[in-house]
PDB file of all heavy atoms in Angstrom:
ATOM      1  N   PHE A   1     -30.099  29.337 -29.641  1.00  0.00           N
ATOM      2  CA  PHE A   1     -30.542  28.223 -28.785  1.00  0.00           C
ATOM      3  C   PHE A   1     -29.334  27.486 -28.211  1.00  0.00           C
ATOM      4  O   PHE A   1     -29.434  27.024 -27.018  1.00  0.00           O
ATOM      5  CB  PHE A   1     -31.429  27.297 -29.638  1.00  0.00           C
ATOM      6  CG  PHE A   1     -32.837  27.792 -29.767  1.00  0.00           C
ATOM      7  CD1 PHE A   1     -33.147  28.447 -30.952  1.00  0.00           C
ATOM      8  CD2 PHE A   1     -33.756  27.701 -28.778  1.00  0.00           C
ATOM      9  CE1 PHE A   1     -34.523  28.871 -31.073  1.00  0.00           C
ATOM     10  CE2 PHE A   1     -35.049  28.181 -28.919  1.00  0.00           C
ATOM     11  CZ  PHE A   1     -35.423  28.814 -30.092  1.00  0.00           C
ATOM     12  N   GLU A   2     -28.259  27.359 -28.965  1.00  0.00           N
ATOM     13  CA  GLU A   2     -27.095  26.648 -28.441  1.00  0.00           C
ATOM     14  C   GLU A   2     -26.572  27.422 -27.181  1.00  0.00           C
ATOM     15  O   GLU A   2     -26.306  26.808 -26.128  1.00  0.00           O
ATOM     16  CB  GLU A   2     -25.931  26.595 -29.443  1.00  0.00           C
ATOM     17  CG  GLU A   2     -26.240  25.619 -30.583  1.00  0.00           C
ATOM     18  CD  GLU A   2     -25.275  25.792 -31.748  1.00  0.00           C
ATOM     19  OE1 GLU A   2     -24.261  26.552 -31.552  1.00  0.00           O
ATOM     20  OE2 GLU A   2     -25.473  25.232 -32.823  1.00  0.00           O
ATOM     21  N   ALA A   3     -26.410  28.713 -27.307  1.00  0.00           N
ATOM     22  CA  ALA A   3     -25.914  29.576 -26.186  1.00  0.00           C
ATOM     23  C   ALA A   3     -26.871  29.568 -25.045  1.00  0.00           C
ATOM     24  O   ALA A   3     -26.520  29.440 -23.864  1.00  0.00           O
ATOM     25  CB  ALA A   3     -25.604  30.953 -26.704  1.00  0.00           C
ATOM     26  N   GLY A   4     -28.165  29.720 -25.352  1.00  0.00           N
ATOM     27  CA  GLY A   4     -29.207  29.858 -24.333  1.00  0.00           C
ATOM     28  C   GLY A   4     -29.292  28.564 -23.518  1.00  0.00           C
ATOM     29  O   GLY A   4     -29.267  28.614 -22.240  1.00  0.00           O
ATOM     30  N   PHE A   5     -29.292  27.428 -24.172  1.00  0.00           N
ATOM     31  CA  PHE A   5     -29.400  26.170 -23.463  1.00  0.00           C
ATOM     32  C   PHE A   5     -28.068  25.865 -22.687  1.00  0.00           C
ATOM     33  O   PHE A   5     -28.095  25.327 -21.579  1.00  0.00           O
ATOM     34  CB  PHE A   5     -29.688  25.025 -24.403  1.00  0.00           C
ATOM     35  CG  PHE A   5     -31.127  24.970 -24.924  1.00  0.00           C
ATOM     36  CD1 PHE A   5     -32.015  26.059 -24.556  1.00  0.00           C
ATOM     37  CD2 PHE A   5     -31.596  23.996 -25.767  1.00  0.00           C
ATOM     38  CE1 PHE A   5     -33.313  26.055 -25.018  1.00  0.00           C
ATOM     39  CE2 PHE A   5     -32.893  24.028 -26.237  1.00  0.00           C
ATOM     40  CZ  PHE A   5     -33.775  25.035 -25.814  1.00  0.00           C
ATOM     41  N   ALA A   6     -26.929  26.269 -23.233  1.00  0.00           N
ATOM     42  CA  ALA A   6     -25.703  26.091 -22.557  1.00  0.00           C
ATOM     43  C   ALA A   6     -25.703  26.918 -21.298  1.00  0.00           C
ATOM     44  O   ALA A   6     -25.214  26.459 -20.244  1.00  0.00           O
ATOM     45  CB  ALA A   6     -24.501  26.485 -23.438  1.00  0.00           C
ATOM     46  N   PHE A   7     -26.183  28.125 -21.362  1.00  0.00           N
ATOM     47  CA  PHE A   7     -26.210  28.999 -20.131  1.00  0.00           C
ATOM     48  C   PHE A   7     -27.076  28.370 -19.049  1.00  0.00           C
ATOM     49  O   PHE A   7     -26.675  28.327 -17.892  1.00  0.00           O
ATOM     50  CB  PHE A   7     -26.749  30.365 -20.526  1.00  0.00           C
ATOM     51  CG  PHE A   7     -26.816  31.292 -19.294  1.00  0.00           C
ATOM     52  CD1 PHE A   7     -25.670  32.095 -19.030  1.00  0.00           C
ATOM     53  CD2 PHE A   7     -27.850  31.393 -18.465  1.00  0.00           C
ATOM     54  CE1 PHE A   7     -25.681  32.934 -17.971  1.00  0.00           C
ATOM     55  CE2 PHE A   7     -27.873  32.222 -17.353  1.00  0.00           C
ATOM     56  CZ  PHE A   7     -26.788  33.009 -17.089  1.00  0.00           C
ATOM     57  N   ILE A   8     -28.233  27.851 -19.477  1.00  0.00           N
ATOM     58  CA  ILE A   8     -29.137  27.209 -18.501  1.00  0.00           C
ATOM     59  C   ILE A   8     -28.472  25.998 -17.756  1.00  0.00           C
ATOM     60  O   ILE A   8     -28.458  25.945 -16.539  1.00  0.00           O
ATOM     61  CB  ILE A   8     -30.422  26.773 -19.167  1.00  0.00           C
ATOM     62  CG1 ILE A   8     -31.295  28.005 -19.573  1.00  0.00           C
ATOM     63  CG2 ILE A   8     -31.238  25.826 -18.215  1.00  0.00           C
ATOM     64  CD1 ILE A   8     -32.421  27.709 -20.478  1.00  0.00           C
ATOM     65  N   GLU A   9     -27.766  25.190 -18.565  1.00  0.00           N
ATOM     66  CA  GLU A   9     -27.156  24.001 -17.974  1.00  0.00           C
ATOM     67  C   GLU A   9     -25.915  24.379 -17.146  1.00  0.00           C
ATOM     68  O   GLU A   9     -25.639  23.654 -16.132  1.00  0.00           O
ATOM     69  CB  GLU A   9     -26.753  23.023 -19.053  1.00  0.00           C
ATOM     70  CG  GLU A   9     -27.959  22.360 -19.734  1.00  0.00           C
ATOM     71  CD  GLU A   9     -27.636  21.228 -20.714  1.00  0.00           C
ATOM     72  OE1 GLU A   9     -26.427  21.137 -21.201  1.00  0.00           O
ATOM     73  OE2 GLU A   9     -28.551  20.476 -21.056  1.00  0.00           O
ATOM     74  N   GLN A  10     -25.206  25.480 -17.504  1.00  0.00           N
ATOM     75  CA  GLN A  10     -24.030  25.848 -16.775  1.00  0.00           C
ATOM     76  C   GLN A  10     -24.409  26.641 -15.492  1.00  0.00           C
ATOM     77  O   GLN A  10     -23.606  26.764 -14.555  1.00  0.00           O
ATOM     78  CB  GLN A  10     -23.126  26.731 -17.605  1.00  0.00           C
ATOM     79  CG  GLN A  10     -22.458  25.965 -18.758  1.00  0.00           C
ATOM     80  CD  GLN A  10     -21.849  26.838 -19.753  1.00  0.00           C
ATOM     81  OE1 GLN A  10     -21.585  28.033 -19.533  1.00  0.00           O
ATOM     82  NE2 GLN A  10     -21.601  26.326 -20.975  1.00  0.00           N
ATOM     83  N   HIS A  11     -25.639  27.161 -15.452  1.00  0.00           N
ATOM     84  CA  HIS A  11     -26.083  27.993 -14.301  1.00  0.00           C
ATOM     85  C   HIS A  11     -27.498  27.510 -13.890  1.00  0.00           C
ATOM     86  O   HIS A  11     -28.455  28.254 -13.805  1.00  0.00           O
ATOM     87  CB  HIS A  11     -26.215  29.453 -14.667  1.00  0.00           C
ATOM     88  CG  HIS A  11     -24.931  30.060 -15.214  1.00  0.00           C
ATOM     89  ND1 HIS A  11     -24.513  29.985 -16.513  1.00  0.00           N
ATOM     90  CD2 HIS A  11     -23.928  30.755 -14.532  1.00  0.00           C
ATOM     91  CE1 HIS A  11     -23.340  30.553 -16.619  1.00  0.00           C
ATOM     92  NE2 HIS A  11     -22.968  31.048 -15.430  1.00  0.00           N
ATOM     93  N   ILE A  12     -27.589  26.189 -13.556  1.00  0.00           N
ATOM     94  CA  ILE A  12     -28.889  25.561 -13.307  1.00  0.00           C
ATOM     95  C   ILE A  12     -29.612  26.183 -12.078  1.00  0.00           C
ATOM     96  O   ILE A  12     -30.808  26.329 -12.116  1.00  0.00           O
ATOM     97  CB  ILE A  12     -28.748  24.012 -13.250  1.00  0.00           C
ATOM     98  CG1 ILE A  12     -30.101  23.351 -13.414  1.00  0.00           C
ATOM     99  CG2 ILE A  12     -28.037  23.621 -11.934  1.00  0.00           C
ATOM    100  CD1 ILE A  12     -30.648  23.513 -14.781  1.00  0.00           C
ATOM    101  N   THR A  13     -28.880  26.475 -11.042  1.00  0.00           N
ATOM    102  CA  THR A  13     -29.534  27.100  -9.899  1.00  0.00           C
ATOM    103  C   THR A  13     -30.142  28.412 -10.240  1.00  0.00           C
ATOM    104  O   THR A  13     -31.304  28.681  -9.909  1.00  0.00           O
ATOM    105  CB  THR A  13     -28.493  27.272  -8.730  1.00  0.00           C
ATOM    106  OG1 THR A  13     -28.038  26.019  -8.359  1.00  0.00           O
ATOM    107  CG2 THR A  13     -29.167  27.944  -7.559  1.00  0.00           C
ATOM    108  N   LEU A  14     -29.417  29.263 -10.946  1.00  0.00           N
ATOM    109  CA  LEU A  14     -29.908  30.605 -11.381  1.00  0.00           C
ATOM    110  C   LEU A  14     -31.101  30.380 -12.297  1.00  0.00           C
ATOM    111  O   LEU A  14     -32.099  31.098 -12.106  1.00  0.00           O
ATOM    112  CB  LEU A  14     -28.774  31.290 -12.097  1.00  0.00           C
ATOM    113  CG  LEU A  14     -28.980  32.723 -12.564  1.00  0.00           C
ATOM    114  CD1 LEU A  14     -27.644  33.441 -12.594  1.00  0.00           C
ATOM    115  CD2 LEU A  14     -29.497  32.652 -14.005  1.00  0.00           C
ATOM    116  N   ALA A  15     -31.048  29.425 -13.242  1.00  0.00           N
ATOM    117  CA  ALA A  15     -32.130  29.168 -14.165  1.00  0.00           C
ATOM    118  C   ALA A  15     -33.382  28.705 -13.394  1.00  0.00           C
ATOM    119  O   ALA A  15     -34.470  29.151 -13.752  1.00  0.00           O
ATOM    120  CB  ALA A  15     -31.695  28.109 -15.137  1.00  0.00           C
ATOM    121  N   LYS A  16     -33.220  27.841 -12.431  1.00  0.00           N
ATOM    122  CA  LYS A  16     -34.342  27.351 -11.680  1.00  0.00           C
ATOM    123  C   LYS A  16     -35.053  28.551 -11.010  1.00  0.00           C
ATOM    124  O   LYS A  16     -36.291  28.598 -10.969  1.00  0.00           O
ATOM    125  CB  LYS A  16     -33.932  26.351 -10.669  1.00  0.00           C
ATOM    126  CG  LYS A  16     -33.643  24.956 -11.233  1.00  0.00           C
ATOM    127  CD  LYS A  16     -33.281  23.986 -10.084  1.00  0.00           C
ATOM    128  CE  LYS A  16     -32.941  22.607 -10.680  1.00  0.00           C
ATOM    129  NZ  LYS A  16     -32.545  21.696  -9.578  1.00  0.00           N
ATOM    130  N   ALA A  17     -34.285  29.422 -10.408  1.00  0.00           N
ATOM    131  CA  ALA A  17     -34.893  30.559  -9.723  1.00  0.00           C
ATOM    132  C   ALA A  17     -35.585  31.471 -10.679  1.00  0.00           C
ATOM    133  O   ALA A  17     -36.699  32.018 -10.414  1.00  0.00           O
ATOM    134  CB  ALA A  17     -33.765  31.378  -9.003  1.00  0.00           C
ATOM    135  N   ILE A  18     -35.043  31.701 -11.927  1.00  0.00           N
ATOM    136  CA  ILE A  18     -35.692  32.483 -12.906  1.00  0.00           C
ATOM    137  C   ILE A  18     -37.035  31.832 -13.344  1.00  0.00           C
ATOM    138  O   ILE A  18     -38.069  32.534 -13.387  1.00  0.00           O
ATOM    139  CB  ILE A  18     -34.783  32.716 -14.152  1.00  0.00           C
ATOM    140  CG1 ILE A  18     -33.628  33.568 -13.814  1.00  0.00           C
ATOM    141  CG2 ILE A  18     -35.625  33.230 -15.329  1.00  0.00           C
ATOM    142  CD1 ILE A  18     -32.547  33.693 -14.929  1.00  0.00           C
ATOM    143  N   PHE A  19     -37.038  30.523 -13.567  1.00  0.00           N
ATOM    144  CA  PHE A  19     -38.234  29.891 -14.028  1.00  0.00           C
ATOM    145  C   PHE A  19     -39.252  29.770 -12.938  1.00  0.00           C
ATOM    146  O   PHE A  19     -40.476  29.964 -13.224  1.00  0.00           O
ATOM    147  CB  PHE A  19     -37.905  28.514 -14.579  1.00  0.00           C
ATOM    148  CG  PHE A  19     -37.148  28.534 -15.917  1.00  0.00           C
ATOM    149  CD1 PHE A  19     -35.928  27.836 -16.034  1.00  0.00           C
ATOM    150  CD2 PHE A  19     -37.598  29.273 -16.947  1.00  0.00           C
ATOM    151  CE1 PHE A  19     -35.201  27.943 -17.189  1.00  0.00           C
ATOM    152  CE2 PHE A  19     -36.915  29.309 -18.186  1.00  0.00           C
ATOM    153  CZ  PHE A  19     -35.698  28.634 -18.315  1.00  0.00           C
ATOM    154  N   ASN A  20     -38.844  29.648 -11.679  1.00  0.00           N
ATOM    155  CA  ASN A  20     -39.776  29.731 -10.536  1.00  0.00           C
ATOM    156  C   ASN A  20     -40.479  31.082 -10.588  1.00  0.00           C
ATOM    157  O   ASN A  20     -41.695  31.105 -10.274  1.00  0.00           O
ATOM    158  CB  ASN A  20     -39.085  29.556  -9.189  1.00  0.00           C
ATOM    159  CG  ASN A  20     -38.790  28.067  -8.945  1.00  0.00           C
ATOM    160  OD1 ASN A  20     -39.293  27.153  -9.602  1.00  0.00           O
ATOM    161  ND2 ASN A  20     -37.962  27.814  -7.887  1.00  0.00           N
ATOM    162  N   THR A  21     -39.731  32.105 -10.778  1.00  0.00           N
ATOM    163  CA  THR A  21     -40.268  33.467 -10.765  1.00  0.00           C
ATOM    164  C   THR A  21     -41.213  33.716 -11.949  1.00  0.00           C
ATOM    165  O   THR A  21     -42.303  34.253 -11.751  1.00  0.00           O
ATOM    166  CB  THR A  21     -39.138  34.528 -10.820  1.00  0.00           C
ATOM    167  OG1 THR A  21     -38.191  34.205  -9.709  1.00  0.00           O
ATOM    168  CG2 THR A  21     -39.628  35.911 -10.682  1.00  0.00           C
ATOM    169  N   LEU A  22     -40.858  33.213 -13.091  1.00  0.00           N
ATOM    170  CA  LEU A  22     -41.702  33.380 -14.291  1.00  0.00           C
ATOM    171  C   LEU A  22     -43.046  32.628 -14.106  1.00  0.00           C
ATOM    172  O   LEU A  22     -44.074  33.072 -14.594  1.00  0.00           O
ATOM    173  CB  LEU A  22     -40.996  32.805 -15.529  1.00  0.00           C
ATOM    174  CG  LEU A  22     -40.020  33.693 -16.240  1.00  0.00           C
ATOM    175  CD1 LEU A  22     -39.258  32.910 -17.330  1.00  0.00           C
ATOM    176  CD2 LEU A  22     -40.670  34.902 -16.828  1.00  0.00           C
ATOM    177  N   ASN A  23     -42.963  31.497 -13.430  1.00  0.00           N
ATOM    178  CA  ASN A  23     -44.206  30.707 -13.213  1.00  0.00           C
ATOM    179  C   ASN A  23     -44.897  30.992 -11.882  1.00  0.00           C
ATOM    180  O   ASN A  23     -45.885  30.364 -11.610  1.00  0.00           O
ATOM    181  CB  ASN A  23     -43.858  29.200 -13.326  1.00  0.00           C
ATOM    182  CG  ASN A  23     -43.370  28.838 -14.726  1.00  0.00           C
ATOM    183  OD1 ASN A  23     -43.945  29.268 -15.729  1.00  0.00           O
ATOM    184  ND2 ASN A  23     -42.289  28.094 -14.743  1.00  0.00           N
ATOM    185  N   GLY A  24     -44.358  31.950 -11.167  1.00  0.00           N
ATOM    186  CA  GLY A  24     -44.940  32.291  -9.864  1.00  0.00           C
ATOM    187  C   GLY A  24     -46.059  33.265  -9.939  1.00  0.00           C
ATOM    188  O   GLY A  24     -46.421  33.776 -11.044  1.00  0.00           O
ATOM    189  N   PRO A  25     -46.693  33.575  -8.851  1.00  0.00           N
ATOM    190  CA  PRO A  25     -47.849  34.502  -8.869  1.00  0.00           C
ATOM    191  C   PRO A  25     -47.579  35.999  -8.848  1.00  0.00           C
ATOM    192  O   PRO A  25     -48.512  36.735  -9.110  1.00  0.00           O
ATOM    193  CB  PRO A  25     -48.570  34.028  -7.588  1.00  0.00           C
ATOM    194  CG  PRO A  25     -47.456  33.677  -6.600  1.00  0.00           C
ATOM    195  CD  PRO A  25     -46.357  33.079  -7.502  1.00  0.00           C
ATOM    196  N   ASP A  26     -46.324  36.389  -8.646  1.00  0.00           N
ATOM    197  CA  ASP A  26     -46.055  37.784  -8.458  1.00  0.00           C
ATOM    198  C   ASP A  26     -45.908  38.508  -9.748  1.00  0.00           C
ATOM    199  O   ASP A  26     -44.907  38.376 -10.488  1.00  0.00           O
ATOM    200  CB  ASP A  26     -44.767  37.948  -7.556  1.00  0.00           C
ATOM    201  CG  ASP A  26     -44.617  39.395  -7.030  1.00  0.00           C
ATOM    202  OD1 ASP A  26     -44.585  40.352  -7.855  1.00  0.00           O
ATOM    203  OD2 ASP A  26     -44.550  39.554  -5.842  1.00  0.00           O
ATOM    204  N   GLU A  27     -46.908  39.371 -10.122  1.00  0.00           N
ATOM    205  CA  GLU A  27     -46.887  40.046 -11.394  1.00  0.00           C
ATOM    206  C   GLU A  27     -45.801  41.071 -11.495  1.00  0.00           C
ATOM    207  O   GLU A  27     -45.310  41.301 -12.573  1.00  0.00           O
ATOM    208  CB  GLU A  27     -48.306  40.750 -11.639  1.00  0.00           C
ATOM    209  CG  GLU A  27     -49.476  39.759 -11.785  1.00  0.00           C
ATOM    210  CD  GLU A  27     -49.288  38.785 -12.958  1.00  0.00           C
ATOM    211  OE1 GLU A  27     -48.710  39.158 -13.991  1.00  0.00           O
ATOM    212  OE2 GLU A  27     -49.668  37.625 -12.846  1.00  0.00           O
ATOM    213  N   GLU A  28     -45.423  41.695 -10.377  1.00  0.00           N
ATOM    214  CA  GLU A  28     -44.343  42.716 -10.434  1.00  0.00           C
ATOM    215  C   GLU A  28     -43.039  42.089 -10.823  1.00  0.00           C
ATOM    216  O   GLU A  28     -42.233  42.605 -11.554  1.00  0.00           O
ATOM    217  CB  GLU A  28     -44.295  43.415  -9.112  1.00  0.00           C
ATOM    218  CG  GLU A  28     -43.528  44.689  -9.171  1.00  0.00           C
ATOM    219  CD  GLU A  28     -43.500  45.459  -7.765  1.00  0.00           C
ATOM    220  OE1 GLU A  28     -43.973  44.861  -6.780  1.00  0.00           O
ATOM    221  OE2 GLU A  28     -43.054  46.643  -7.813  1.00  0.00           O
ATOM    222  N   PHE A  29     -42.756  40.856 -10.282  1.00  0.00           N
ATOM    223  CA  PHE A  29     -41.521  40.191 -10.614  1.00  0.00           C
ATOM    224  C   PHE A  29     -41.507  39.774 -12.084  1.00  0.00           C
ATOM    225  O   PHE A  29     -40.540  39.856 -12.776  1.00  0.00           O
ATOM    226  CB  PHE A  29     -41.306  38.922  -9.734  1.00  0.00           C
ATOM    227  CG  PHE A  29     -41.072  39.251  -8.303  1.00  0.00           C
ATOM    228  CD1 PHE A  29     -41.359  38.299  -7.285  1.00  0.00           C
ATOM    229  CD2 PHE A  29     -40.500  40.478  -7.915  1.00  0.00           C
ATOM    230  CE1 PHE A  29     -41.082  38.611  -5.987  1.00  0.00           C
ATOM    231  CE2 PHE A  29     -40.198  40.744  -6.564  1.00  0.00           C
ATOM    232  CZ  PHE A  29     -40.541  39.766  -5.622  1.00  0.00           C
ATOM    233  N   LYS A  30     -42.690  39.320 -12.569  1.00  0.00           N
ATOM    234  CA  LYS A  30     -42.775  38.894 -13.954  1.00  0.00           C
ATOM    235  C   LYS A  30     -42.552  40.048 -14.920  1.00  0.00           C
ATOM    236  O   LYS A  30     -41.890  39.953 -15.904  1.00  0.00           O
ATOM    237  CB  LYS A  30     -44.144  38.291 -14.281  1.00  0.00           C
ATOM    238  CG  LYS A  30     -44.415  36.951 -13.550  1.00  0.00           C
ATOM    239  CD  LYS A  30     -45.801  36.430 -13.937  1.00  0.00           C
ATOM    240  CE  LYS A  30     -46.170  35.157 -13.236  1.00  0.00           C
ATOM    241  NZ  LYS A  30     -47.458  34.652 -13.496  1.00  0.00           N
ATOM    242  N   LEU A  31     -43.062  41.226 -14.583  1.00  0.00           N
ATOM    243  CA  LEU A  31     -42.893  42.449 -15.366  1.00  0.00           C
ATOM    244  C   LEU A  31     -41.414  42.828 -15.361  1.00  0.00           C
ATOM    245  O   LEU A  31     -40.907  43.178 -16.386  1.00  0.00           O
ATOM    246  CB  LEU A  31     -43.764  43.585 -14.779  1.00  0.00           C
ATOM    247  CG  LEU A  31     -43.545  44.888 -15.517  1.00  0.00           C
ATOM    248  CD1 LEU A  31     -43.914  44.807 -17.032  1.00  0.00           C
ATOM    249  CD2 LEU A  31     -44.446  45.993 -14.817  1.00  0.00           C
ATOM    250  N   LYS A  32     -40.778  42.723 -14.217  1.00  0.00           N
ATOM    251  CA  LYS A  32     -39.323  43.029 -14.090  1.00  0.00           C
ATOM    252  C   LYS A  32     -38.553  42.095 -14.991  1.00  0.00           C
ATOM    253  O   LYS A  32     -37.647  42.567 -15.732  1.00  0.00           O
ATOM    254  CB  LYS A  32     -38.906  42.946 -12.648  1.00  0.00           C
ATOM    255  CG  LYS A  32     -37.408  43.221 -12.419  1.00  0.00           C
ATOM    256  CD  LYS A  32     -37.117  44.664 -12.672  1.00  0.00           C
ATOM    257  CE  LYS A  32     -35.658  45.029 -12.235  1.00  0.00           C
ATOM    258  NZ  LYS A  32     -35.259  46.368 -12.500  1.00  0.00           N
ATOM    259  N   LEU A  33     -38.891  40.812 -15.040  1.00  0.00           N
ATOM    260  CA  LEU A  33     -38.155  39.849 -15.881  1.00  0.00           C
ATOM    261  C   LEU A  33     -38.432  40.158 -17.330  1.00  0.00           C
ATOM    262  O   LEU A  33     -37.519  40.095 -18.140  1.00  0.00           O
ATOM    263  CB  LEU A  33     -38.663  38.423 -15.555  1.00  0.00           C
ATOM    264  CG  LEU A  33     -37.911  37.742 -14.461  1.00  0.00           C
ATOM    265  CD1 LEU A  33     -38.605  36.428 -14.048  1.00  0.00           C
ATOM    266  CD2 LEU A  33     -36.454  37.407 -14.851  1.00  0.00           C
TER     267      LEU A  33
END
């Protein structure tokens, strides 16, 4: 959790894009993730 949360805070733009994808409607992208 320490490393994971540190990565998110250090790469916030990348993290936002990942979470947008996870919460988005595209099932193919979710499967890829």
